[in-house]
């Protein structure tokens, strides 16, 4: 009597193959050049899984995120289905098996969406149930939706104990691949694998793939902006649109980090989000009418802080310079800071000129209740305002009023992404902390 398929983890690969042969399991091997229609989610699944199979460094990074073992022999499949179940309902897009000494030791299911298709709650809950039934403890969703961290999900979904639900945006996966092509310490060693990575990224970047970045805030974003601008009292418990608008900002913050990553060739990280971050930020925006974000860039003078002011409909980005010349008077420190900013002008005068009237300097004065803020063009006034006081640090700010475009779902993204690129290119990359001269 033949065995009946009941589990994946713990089954021998030989027995798994026999289940396929007998028709108890339905799968297709992942192909780099699938015979499925171009632009289909199945084609995207097959190409992505094949890129993991063929490009070692890419596989290592994604497997590390998913805590998948990189030991043993790895197998990649698409369109996993169980024969005695409803094939249409329960066909899961992808499956990776980790086989050690002939036994399946680890596995992960994948569910892919492209274009405007969203991850669906009932579908994922069903796939989690199937995964649990066959002893698989990992499910990965991939779509054009953004999350702050891959351990989070676009869905508010409760997972079983010891079960990992991860989510990647396509932009994140593309960025990971592009960083491997930069001239850095994470290069792909094999020249043939470099070319495979380029071809995969070319397909994903093509409009026919159905892959897109974050180009539109959620509808609730405009509603939140309008309610605050009209001075209406908001309650996050009562006004459900608030949390969705906040989620939209979290997604855009992540998109900005990935945008900078692709430009700079290093992974830029957005601020860490906890399980209750949406709740706490919803309360904050209702009470204080602002939201904050942060971008962490390796070797930059500091993290870039971002503040959204809903009442003024403005955005402020800032960096902090902690290390300033010690044992120097106030005038010397202000002059040192002024030279730093003038160096930015020297590096790109045209870009600096476009930013100059939006640049502000915050001066952290010892024992002062709040920082002294002046426009950069009025920086000389600091000499009088800080006379006899000790300057501890400087903040360089770029502040811009978006006006009515602040509430626009598409224009807001365009403006804030242009702003972060200009701020980094025109200023952040040229600013440095004070270092003592050589003896």
Protein backbone atom coordinates (compact mmCIF):
# COMPACT_ATOMS: atom_id res chain seq x y z
CA UNK A 1 0.00 0.00 0.00
CA UNK A 2 1.47 3.35 -1.00
CA UNK A 3 2.09 6.05 1.59
CA UNK A 4 -0.19 9.05 1.75
CA UNK A 5 1.34 12.52 1.70
CA UNK A 6 0.94 14.20 5.10
CA UNK A 7 3.95 16.43 5.79
CA UNK A 8 6.93 18.13 4.13
CA UNK A 9 9.38 18.70 7.00
CA UNK A 10 10.83 15.36 8.06
CA UNK A 11 9.95 13.58 4.81
CA UNK A 12 12.76 12.15 2.70
CA UNK A 13 13.36 13.84 -0.65
CA UNK A 14 12.98 10.47 -2.32
CA UNK A 15 9.53 10.01 -0.81
CA UNK A 16 8.59 13.63 -1.70
CA UNK A 17 9.49 12.88 -5.33
CA UNK A 18 7.36 9.74 -5.23
CA UNK A 19 4.37 11.81 -4.06
CA UNK A 20 4.91 14.05 -7.10
CA UNK A 21 5.13 11.05 -9.41
CA UNK A 22 1.94 9.55 -7.95
CA UNK A 23 0.09 12.86 -8.32
CA UNK A 24 -0.47 13.42 -4.60
CA UNK A 25 1.58 16.64 -4.90
CA UNK A 26 1.52 19.01 -7.85
CA UNK A 27 4.60 21.20 -8.45
CA UNK A 28 6.61 22.69 -11.28
CA UNK A 29 10.38 23.25 -11.16
CA UNK A 30 11.27 26.96 -11.10
CA UNK A 31 12.73 28.12 -14.44
CA UNK A 32 14.71 31.26 -15.22
CA UNK A 33 12.97 31.40 -18.60
CA UNK A 34 9.44 30.18 -17.83
CA UNK A 35 6.97 29.18 -20.53
CA UNK A 36 4.22 31.09 -18.74
CA UNK A 37 2.83 34.33 -20.16
CA UNK A 38 5.13 37.33 -19.64
CA UNK A 39 3.85 39.56 -16.85
CA UNK A 40 1.99 36.72 -15.16
CA UNK A 41 2.54 36.30 -11.40
CA UNK A 42 3.63 32.73 -12.10
CA UNK A 43 6.38 33.94 -14.44
CA UNK A 44 7.59 36.42 -11.82
CA UNK A 45 7.63 33.67 -9.18
CA UNK A 46 9.62 31.34 -11.42
CA UNK A 47 12.18 34.00 -12.36
CA UNK A 48 12.65 35.20 -8.77
CA UNK A 49 13.12 31.69 -7.34
CA UNK A 50 15.50 30.84 -10.19
CA UNK A 51 17.58 33.93 -9.40
CA UNK A 52 17.98 32.58 -5.85
CA UNK A 53 19.03 29.24 -7.26
CA UNK A 54 21.58 30.69 -9.69
CA UNK A 55 23.11 33.67 -7.86
CA UNK A 56 24.83 32.65 -4.63
CA UNK A 57 25.27 36.09 -3.06
CA UNK A 58 21.64 37.02 -3.75
CA UNK A 59 20.47 33.71 -2.27
CA UNK A 60 22.65 34.21 0.82
CA UNK A 61 21.14 37.63 1.54
CA UNK A 62 17.50 36.61 1.09
CA UNK A 63 17.96 33.35 2.99
CA UNK A 64 19.58 35.31 5.82
CA UNK A 65 16.52 37.56 6.04
CA UNK A 66 14.25 34.51 6.16
CA UNK A 67 16.49 32.53 8.52
CA UNK A 68 16.59 29.71 5.99
CA UNK A 69 19.51 27.31 6.22
CA UNK A 70 22.11 27.70 3.48
CA UNK A 71 23.46 24.21 4.09
CA UNK A 72 22.40 21.09 2.24
CA UNK A 73 20.82 20.83 -1.20
CA UNK A 74 18.15 23.34 -2.15
CA UNK A 75 15.17 22.75 -4.44
CA UNK A 76 12.89 25.41 -5.95
CA UNK A 77 9.31 24.82 -7.12
CA UNK A 78 6.33 26.83 -8.33
CA UNK A 79 2.57 26.14 -8.18
CA UNK A 80 2.54 23.80 -5.19
CA UNK A 81 -0.77 22.03 -4.75
CA UNK A 82 -2.10 19.02 -2.87
CA UNK A 83 -4.07 16.63 -5.07
CA UNK A 84 -6.96 15.94 -2.72
CA UNK A 85 -7.63 19.62 -2.10
CA UNK A 86 -9.32 22.27 -4.25
CA UNK A 87 -6.50 22.93 -6.72
CA UNK A 88 -7.55 26.45 -7.64
CA UNK A 89 -7.99 27.61 -4.08
CA UNK A 90 -4.93 25.95 -2.58
CA UNK A 91 -2.28 26.30 -5.24
CA UNK A 92 0.59 28.13 -3.56
CA UNK A 93 2.89 30.13 -5.86
CA UNK A 94 6.28 28.92 -4.65
CA UNK A 95 8.10 26.43 -2.45
CA UNK A 96 11.74 26.10 -1.38
CA UNK A 97 13.02 22.89 0.20
CA UNK A 98 16.25 22.50 2.20
CA UNK A 99 17.42 18.88 2.11
CA UNK A 100 20.19 17.60 4.37
CA UNK A 101 21.30 13.97 4.13
CA UNK A 102 18.27 13.10 2.08
CA UNK A 103 15.72 14.52 4.56
CA UNK A 104 13.74 17.75 4.14
CA UNK A 105 14.88 19.81 7.13
CA UNK A 106 13.42 23.22 6.30
CA UNK A 107 10.98 24.74 3.81
CA UNK A 108 9.22 28.00 2.94
CA UNK A 109 6.06 28.73 0.96
CA UNK A 110 5.82 31.86 -1.22
CA UNK A 111 2.77 33.83 -2.29
CA UNK A 112 3.38 36.47 -4.99
CA UNK A 113 1.33 39.43 -6.19
CA UNK A 114 2.19 41.99 -8.87
CA UNK A 115 0.60 45.08 -10.42
CA UNK A 116 -2.11 46.47 -8.12
CA UNK A 117 -2.97 43.09 -6.65
CA UNK A 118 -2.85 43.07 -2.85
CA UNK A 119 -2.04 40.31 -0.37
CA UNK A 120 -5.42 38.86 0.66
CA UNK A 121 -6.30 38.10 4.27
CA UNK A 122 -8.45 34.99 3.71
CA UNK A 123 -5.97 33.53 1.22
CA UNK A 124 -3.00 33.95 3.56
CA UNK A 125 -4.91 32.56 6.53
CA UNK A 126 -5.75 29.52 4.39
CA UNK A 127 -2.11 29.10 3.32
CA UNK A 128 -0.95 29.33 6.93
CA UNK A 129 -3.39 26.53 7.77
CA UNK A 130 -2.05 24.40 4.90
CA UNK A 131 1.55 25.13 5.92
CA UNK A 132 0.81 24.13 9.49
CA UNK A 133 -0.84 20.90 8.31
CA UNK A 134 2.27 19.84 6.36
CA UNK A 135 4.69 21.00 9.11
CA UNK A 136 6.08 24.02 7.21
CA UNK A 137 6.78 26.98 9.49
CA UNK A 138 7.57 29.74 7.01
CA UNK A 139 5.40 31.68 4.58
CA UNK A 140 6.73 34.60 2.53
CA UNK A 141 4.46 37.09 0.78
CA UNK A 142 5.79 39.36 -1.98
CA UNK A 143 3.93 42.26 -3.59
CA UNK A 144 4.24 45.95 -4.47
CA UNK A 145 3.09 46.74 -0.92
CA UNK A 146 5.71 48.13 1.47
CA UNK A 147 6.46 47.29 5.10
CA UNK A 148 9.02 48.82 7.47
CA UNK A 149 10.67 45.46 8.10
CA UNK A 150 10.39 42.08 6.37
CA UNK A 151 9.20 40.46 9.62
CA UNK A 152 6.03 42.58 9.37
CA UNK A 153 3.04 42.04 7.09
CA UNK A 154 0.71 44.39 5.20
CA UNK A 155 -2.06 42.39 6.87
CA UNK A 156 -3.19 42.51 10.48
CA UNK A 157 -2.95 38.77 10.88
CA UNK A 158 -2.29 36.52 13.86
CA UNK A 159 0.13 33.70 13.17
CA UNK A 160 0.49 30.42 15.08
CA UNK A 161 3.26 30.05 17.64
CA UNK A 162 6.67 29.32 16.06
CA UNK A 163 5.39 30.32 12.62
CA UNK A 164 7.19 33.00 10.58
CA UNK A 165 5.19 35.21 8.20
CA UNK A 166 7.56 37.46 6.24
CA UNK A 167 6.87 40.06 3.56
CA UNK A 168 9.07 41.60 0.87
CA UNK A 169 8.20 44.39 -1.51
CA UNK A 170 9.44 43.87 -5.06
CA UNK A 171 11.33 47.15 -4.69
CA UNK A 172 13.22 45.71 -1.71
CA UNK A 173 14.19 42.60 -3.68
CA UNK A 174 15.29 44.68 -6.68
CA UNK A 175 17.34 46.95 -4.42
CA UNK A 176 19.05 43.94 -2.80
CA UNK A 177 20.01 42.71 -6.26
CA UNK A 178 21.20 46.12 -7.46
CA UNK A 179 23.45 46.57 -4.43
CA UNK A 180 25.27 43.37 -5.39
CA UNK A 181 26.21 45.02 -8.70
CA UNK A 182 27.81 48.07 -7.08
CA UNK A 183 31.56 48.23 -6.56
CA UNK A 184 31.58 47.27 -2.88
CA UNK A 185 32.47 44.41 -0.55
CA UNK A 186 29.31 42.49 -1.45
CA UNK A 187 30.00 41.96 -5.13
CA UNK A 188 28.90 38.81 -6.95
CA UNK A 189 32.12 36.89 -7.54
CA UNK A 190 31.16 34.81 -10.58
CA UNK A 191 30.94 36.82 -13.83
CA UNK A 192 28.20 34.59 -15.25
CA UNK A 193 26.12 35.09 -12.11
CA UNK A 194 26.58 38.85 -12.47
CA UNK A 195 25.01 38.66 -15.93
CA UNK A 196 22.14 36.51 -14.63
CA UNK A 197 21.46 39.07 -11.89
CA UNK A 198 21.45 41.87 -14.48
CA UNK A 199 18.94 40.01 -16.67
CA UNK A 200 16.64 39.26 -13.73
CA UNK A 201 16.70 42.91 -12.61
CA UNK A 202 16.08 44.08 -16.19
CA UNK A 203 12.92 41.95 -16.28
CA UNK A 204 11.73 43.15 -12.86
CA UNK A 205 12.38 46.80 -13.82
CA UNK A 206 10.37 46.38 -17.03
CA UNK A 207 6.75 47.61 -16.92
CA UNK A 208 5.56 44.25 -18.31
CA UNK A 209 6.63 42.47 -15.09
CA UNK A 210 3.95 44.22 -13.04
CA UNK A 211 6.55 45.41 -10.51
CA UNK A 212 6.25 49.01 -9.32
CA UNK A 213 7.49 51.22 -6.51
CA UNK A 214 5.42 53.08 -3.97
CA UNK A 215 3.90 55.85 -6.07
CA UNK A 216 0.65 56.72 -4.34
CA UNK A 217 -0.32 57.30 -0.72
CA UNK A 218 -3.44 55.59 0.54
CA UNK A 219 -6.80 57.42 0.08
CA UNK A 220 -6.91 57.97 3.86
CA UNK A 221 -3.79 60.17 3.62
CA UNK A 222 -5.71 63.01 1.99
CA UNK A 223 -8.53 62.63 4.48
CA UNK A 224 -6.14 62.92 7.43
CA UNK A 225 -4.42 65.98 5.91
CA UNK A 226 -7.73 67.73 5.27
CA UNK A 227 -9.15 66.96 8.73
CA UNK A 228 -6.11 68.42 10.50
CA UNK A 229 -5.92 71.44 8.19
CA UNK A 230 -9.56 72.17 8.99
CA UNK A 231 -8.72 71.98 12.74
CA UNK A 232 -11.06 69.05 13.34
CA UNK A 233 -10.54 67.04 16.52
CA UNK A 234 -9.41 63.50 15.76
CA UNK A 235 -9.60 60.31 17.79
CA UNK A 236 -7.61 57.31 16.50
CA UNK A 237 -10.05 54.89 18.14
CA UNK A 238 -13.01 56.46 16.43
CA UNK A 239 -11.42 57.60 13.17
CA UNK A 240 -10.16 54.42 11.53
CA UNK A 241 -8.72 56.32 8.56
CA UNK A 242 -5.93 57.71 10.79
CA UNK A 243 -4.11 54.39 11.19
CA UNK A 244 -4.28 53.71 7.46
CA UNK A 245 -2.82 57.14 6.70
CA UNK A 246 -0.02 56.49 9.22
CA UNK A 247 0.67 53.12 7.60
CA UNK A 248 0.94 54.95 4.29
CA UNK A 249 3.67 57.18 5.75
CA UNK A 250 5.55 54.16 7.14
CA UNK A 251 5.48 52.63 3.66
CA UNK A 252 6.74 55.83 2.02
CA UNK A 253 9.53 56.13 4.60
CA UNK A 254 10.66 52.62 3.61
CA UNK A 255 10.43 53.52 -0.08
CA UNK A 256 12.66 56.56 0.51
CA UNK A 257 15.23 54.32 2.20
CA UNK A 258 15.24 51.96 -0.78
CA UNK A 259 15.44 54.89 -3.21
CA UNK A 260 18.57 56.16 -1.47
CA UNK A 261 19.97 52.63 -1.29
CA UNK A 262 19.81 52.29 -5.07
CA UNK A 263 21.46 55.70 -5.54
CA UNK A 264 24.26 55.20 -3.02
CA UNK A 265 25.08 51.52 -3.33
CA UNK A 266 24.66 50.82 0.40
CA UNK A 267 21.59 49.64 2.27
CA UNK A 268 19.81 52.61 3.83
CA UNK A 269 17.47 51.73 6.67
CA UNK A 270 14.28 53.46 7.75
CA UNK A 271 13.38 53.82 11.43
CA UNK A 272 12.61 50.59 13.24
CA UNK A 273 8.91 49.99 13.72
CA UNK A 274 7.41 48.00 16.58
CA UNK A 275 4.10 46.17 16.64
CA UNK A 276 2.42 49.17 18.26
CA UNK A 277 4.14 51.84 16.09
CA UNK A 278 1.03 52.50 14.01
CA UNK A 279 -1.03 52.89 17.17
CA UNK A 280 1.46 55.22 18.88
CA UNK A 281 2.01 57.29 15.72
CA UNK A 282 -1.76 57.54 15.20
CA UNK A 283 -2.14 58.95 18.70
CA UNK A 284 0.74 61.36 18.10
CA UNK A 285 -0.56 62.73 14.81
CA UNK A 286 -4.02 63.27 16.32
CA UNK A 287 -2.57 65.09 19.32
CA UNK A 288 0.51 66.87 17.95
CA UNK A 289 -0.35 67.01 14.22
CA UNK A 290 3.02 65.75 13.06
CA UNK A 291 4.76 62.50 12.13
CA UNK A 292 8.44 61.64 12.16
CA UNK A 293 10.77 59.35 10.27
CA UNK A 294 14.46 58.53 10.14
CA UNK A 295 16.93 57.26 7.56
CA UNK A 296 20.14 55.57 8.67
CA UNK A 297 23.01 55.79 6.17
CA UNK A 298 26.33 54.06 6.72
CA UNK A 299 29.21 56.54 7.28
CA UNK A 300 26.98 59.63 7.02
CA UNK A 301 27.58 62.37 9.59
CA UNK A 302 24.33 61.37 11.31
CA UNK A 303 20.94 59.81 10.66
CA UNK A 304 18.57 61.98 8.64
CA UNK A 305 15.56 62.98 10.73
CA UNK A 306 12.30 63.74 8.92
CA UNK A 307 9.35 65.66 10.35
CA UNK A 308 5.97 66.09 8.67
CA UNK A 309 3.99 69.08 9.94
CA UNK A 310 0.33 68.68 8.98
CA UNK A 311 -0.76 72.15 10.18
CA UNK A 312 1.89 74.00 8.18
CA UNK A 313 1.85 71.37 5.42
CA UNK A 314 5.62 71.32 5.50
CA UNK A 315 8.46 68.80 5.61
CA UNK A 316 11.71 69.26 7.51
CA UNK A 317 14.81 67.07 7.11
CA UNK A 318 17.79 67.44 9.41
CA UNK A 319 21.20 66.10 10.38
CA UNK A 320 23.09 66.63 13.63
CA UNK A 321 26.77 67.49 13.95
CA UNK A 322 27.80 66.38 17.45
CA UNK A 323 31.54 66.53 17.14
CA UNK A 324 32.59 70.17 16.85
CA UNK A 325 35.99 71.78 17.57
CA UNK A 326 36.70 71.48 21.33
CA UNK A 327 38.53 74.11 23.34
CA UNK A 328 37.34 76.75 20.89
CA UNK A 329 35.21 79.80 21.50
CA UNK A 330 31.69 80.35 20.20
CA UNK A 331 32.84 82.43 17.24
CA UNK A 332 35.34 79.78 16.12
CA UNK A 333 32.69 77.06 16.27
CA UNK A 334 30.18 79.08 14.26
CA UNK A 335 32.84 79.88 11.66
CA UNK A 336 33.77 76.20 11.46
CA UNK A 337 30.12 75.29 10.81
CA UNK A 338 29.81 78.07 8.23
CA UNK A 339 32.84 76.73 6.33
CA UNK A 340 31.29 73.27 6.29
CA UNK A 341 28.15 74.58 4.61
CA UNK A 342 30.07 76.78 2.20
CA UNK A 343 31.97 73.66 1.15
CA UNK A 344 28.59 72.27 0.01
CA UNK A 345 28.16 75.37 -2.16
CA UNK A 346 31.61 74.81 -3.64
CA UNK A 347 30.87 71.17 -4.53
CA UNK A 348 27.61 71.93 -6.39
CA UNK A 349 26.80 75.63 -6.60
CA UNK A 350 23.68 75.23 -8.73
CA UNK A 351 22.04 72.68 -6.42
CA UNK A 352 23.08 74.60 -3.31
CA UNK A 353 21.58 77.80 -4.68
CA UNK A 354 18.24 76.05 -5.18
CA UNK A 355 18.31 74.95 -1.50
CA UNK A 356 19.90 77.98 0.17
CA UNK A 357 16.72 79.81 1.19
CA UNK A 358 15.34 76.60 2.72
CA UNK A 359 18.37 75.88 4.91
CA UNK A 360 18.19 76.56 8.65
CA UNK A 361 20.75 76.13 11.43
CA UNK A 362 19.72 74.91 14.88
CA UNK A 363 22.31 75.61 17.55
CA UNK A 364 22.32 73.43 20.67
CA UNK A 365 23.35 75.79 23.48
CA UNK A 366 24.26 74.43 26.89
CA UNK A 367 21.55 74.97 29.53
CA UNK A 368 19.17 76.53 26.95
CA UNK A 369 15.58 75.24 26.99
CA UNK A 370 15.45 74.99 23.23
CA UNK A 371 17.78 75.28 20.26
CA UNK A 372 18.43 78.63 18.60
CA UNK A 373 17.20 78.52 15.01
CA UNK A 374 18.23 80.90 12.25
CA UNK A 375 18.11 80.84 8.47
CA UNK A 376 21.46 80.00 6.97
CA UNK A 377 21.46 83.34 5.15
CA UNK A 378 21.22 85.01 8.61
CA UNK A 379 23.84 82.82 10.26
CA UNK A 380 25.91 85.81 11.35
CA UNK A 381 23.17 86.68 13.86
CA UNK A 382 24.29 83.62 15.88
CA UNK A 383 27.44 85.49 16.86
CA UNK A 384 25.38 87.92 18.96
CA UNK A 385 22.73 85.44 20.16
CA UNK A 386 25.30 82.94 21.49
CA UNK A 387 27.79 85.43 22.93
CA UNK A 388 29.07 84.15 26.28
CA UNK A 389 27.32 80.79 25.82
CA UNK A 390 28.65 77.31 25.01
CA UNK A 391 27.61 75.65 21.75
CA UNK A 392 27.35 71.87 22.10
CA UNK A 393 26.14 70.82 18.66
CA UNK A 394 24.68 72.05 15.36
CA UNK A 395 21.72 70.80 13.35
CA UNK A 396 21.40 71.52 9.64
CA UNK A 397 17.79 71.58 8.47
CA UNK A 398 16.16 71.70 5.07
CA UNK A 399 12.57 72.90 5.41
CA UNK A 400 10.06 73.12 2.59
CA UNK A 401 6.39 74.01 2.44
CA UNK A 402 4.41 71.69 0.16
CA UNK A 403 1.20 73.69 0.46
CA UNK A 404 -1.85 71.97 -1.02
CA UNK A 405 0.42 69.32 -2.55
CA UNK A 406 1.05 67.99 0.97
CA UNK A 407 -2.33 66.23 0.86
CA UNK A 408 -1.92 64.99 -2.70
CA UNK A 409 -1.48 61.21 -2.82
CA UNK A 410 0.96 61.33 -5.74
CA UNK A 411 2.53 64.81 -5.55
CA UNK A 412 3.50 64.34 -1.89
CA UNK A 413 5.60 61.29 -2.81
CA UNK A 414 7.21 63.05 -5.77
CA UNK A 415 8.12 66.13 -3.73
CA UNK A 416 9.45 64.37 -0.65
CA UNK A 417 11.57 61.96 -2.72
CA UNK A 418 13.04 64.84 -4.72
CA UNK A 419 13.70 66.62 -1.43
CA UNK A 420 15.59 63.73 0.19
CA UNK A 421 17.75 63.22 -2.89
CA UNK A 422 18.58 66.94 -3.08
CA UNK A 423 19.30 67.15 0.66
CA UNK A 424 21.67 64.20 0.54
CA UNK A 425 23.38 65.17 -2.72
CA UNK A 426 23.60 68.87 -1.94
CA UNK A 427 24.50 68.74 1.75
CA UNK A 428 24.58 65.51 3.75
CA UNK A 429 27.31 63.80 1.75
CA UNK A 430 29.64 66.82 2.15
CA UNK A 431 29.18 67.46 5.88
CA UNK A 432 31.59 65.85 8.33
CA UNK A 433 32.30 65.92 12.04
CA UNK A 434 35.34 67.65 13.46
CA UNK A 435 38.48 65.52 13.57
CA UNK A 436 41.64 66.56 15.44
CA UNK A 437 44.55 67.56 13.20
CA UNK A 438 47.58 65.32 12.95
CA UNK A 439 50.20 66.07 15.63
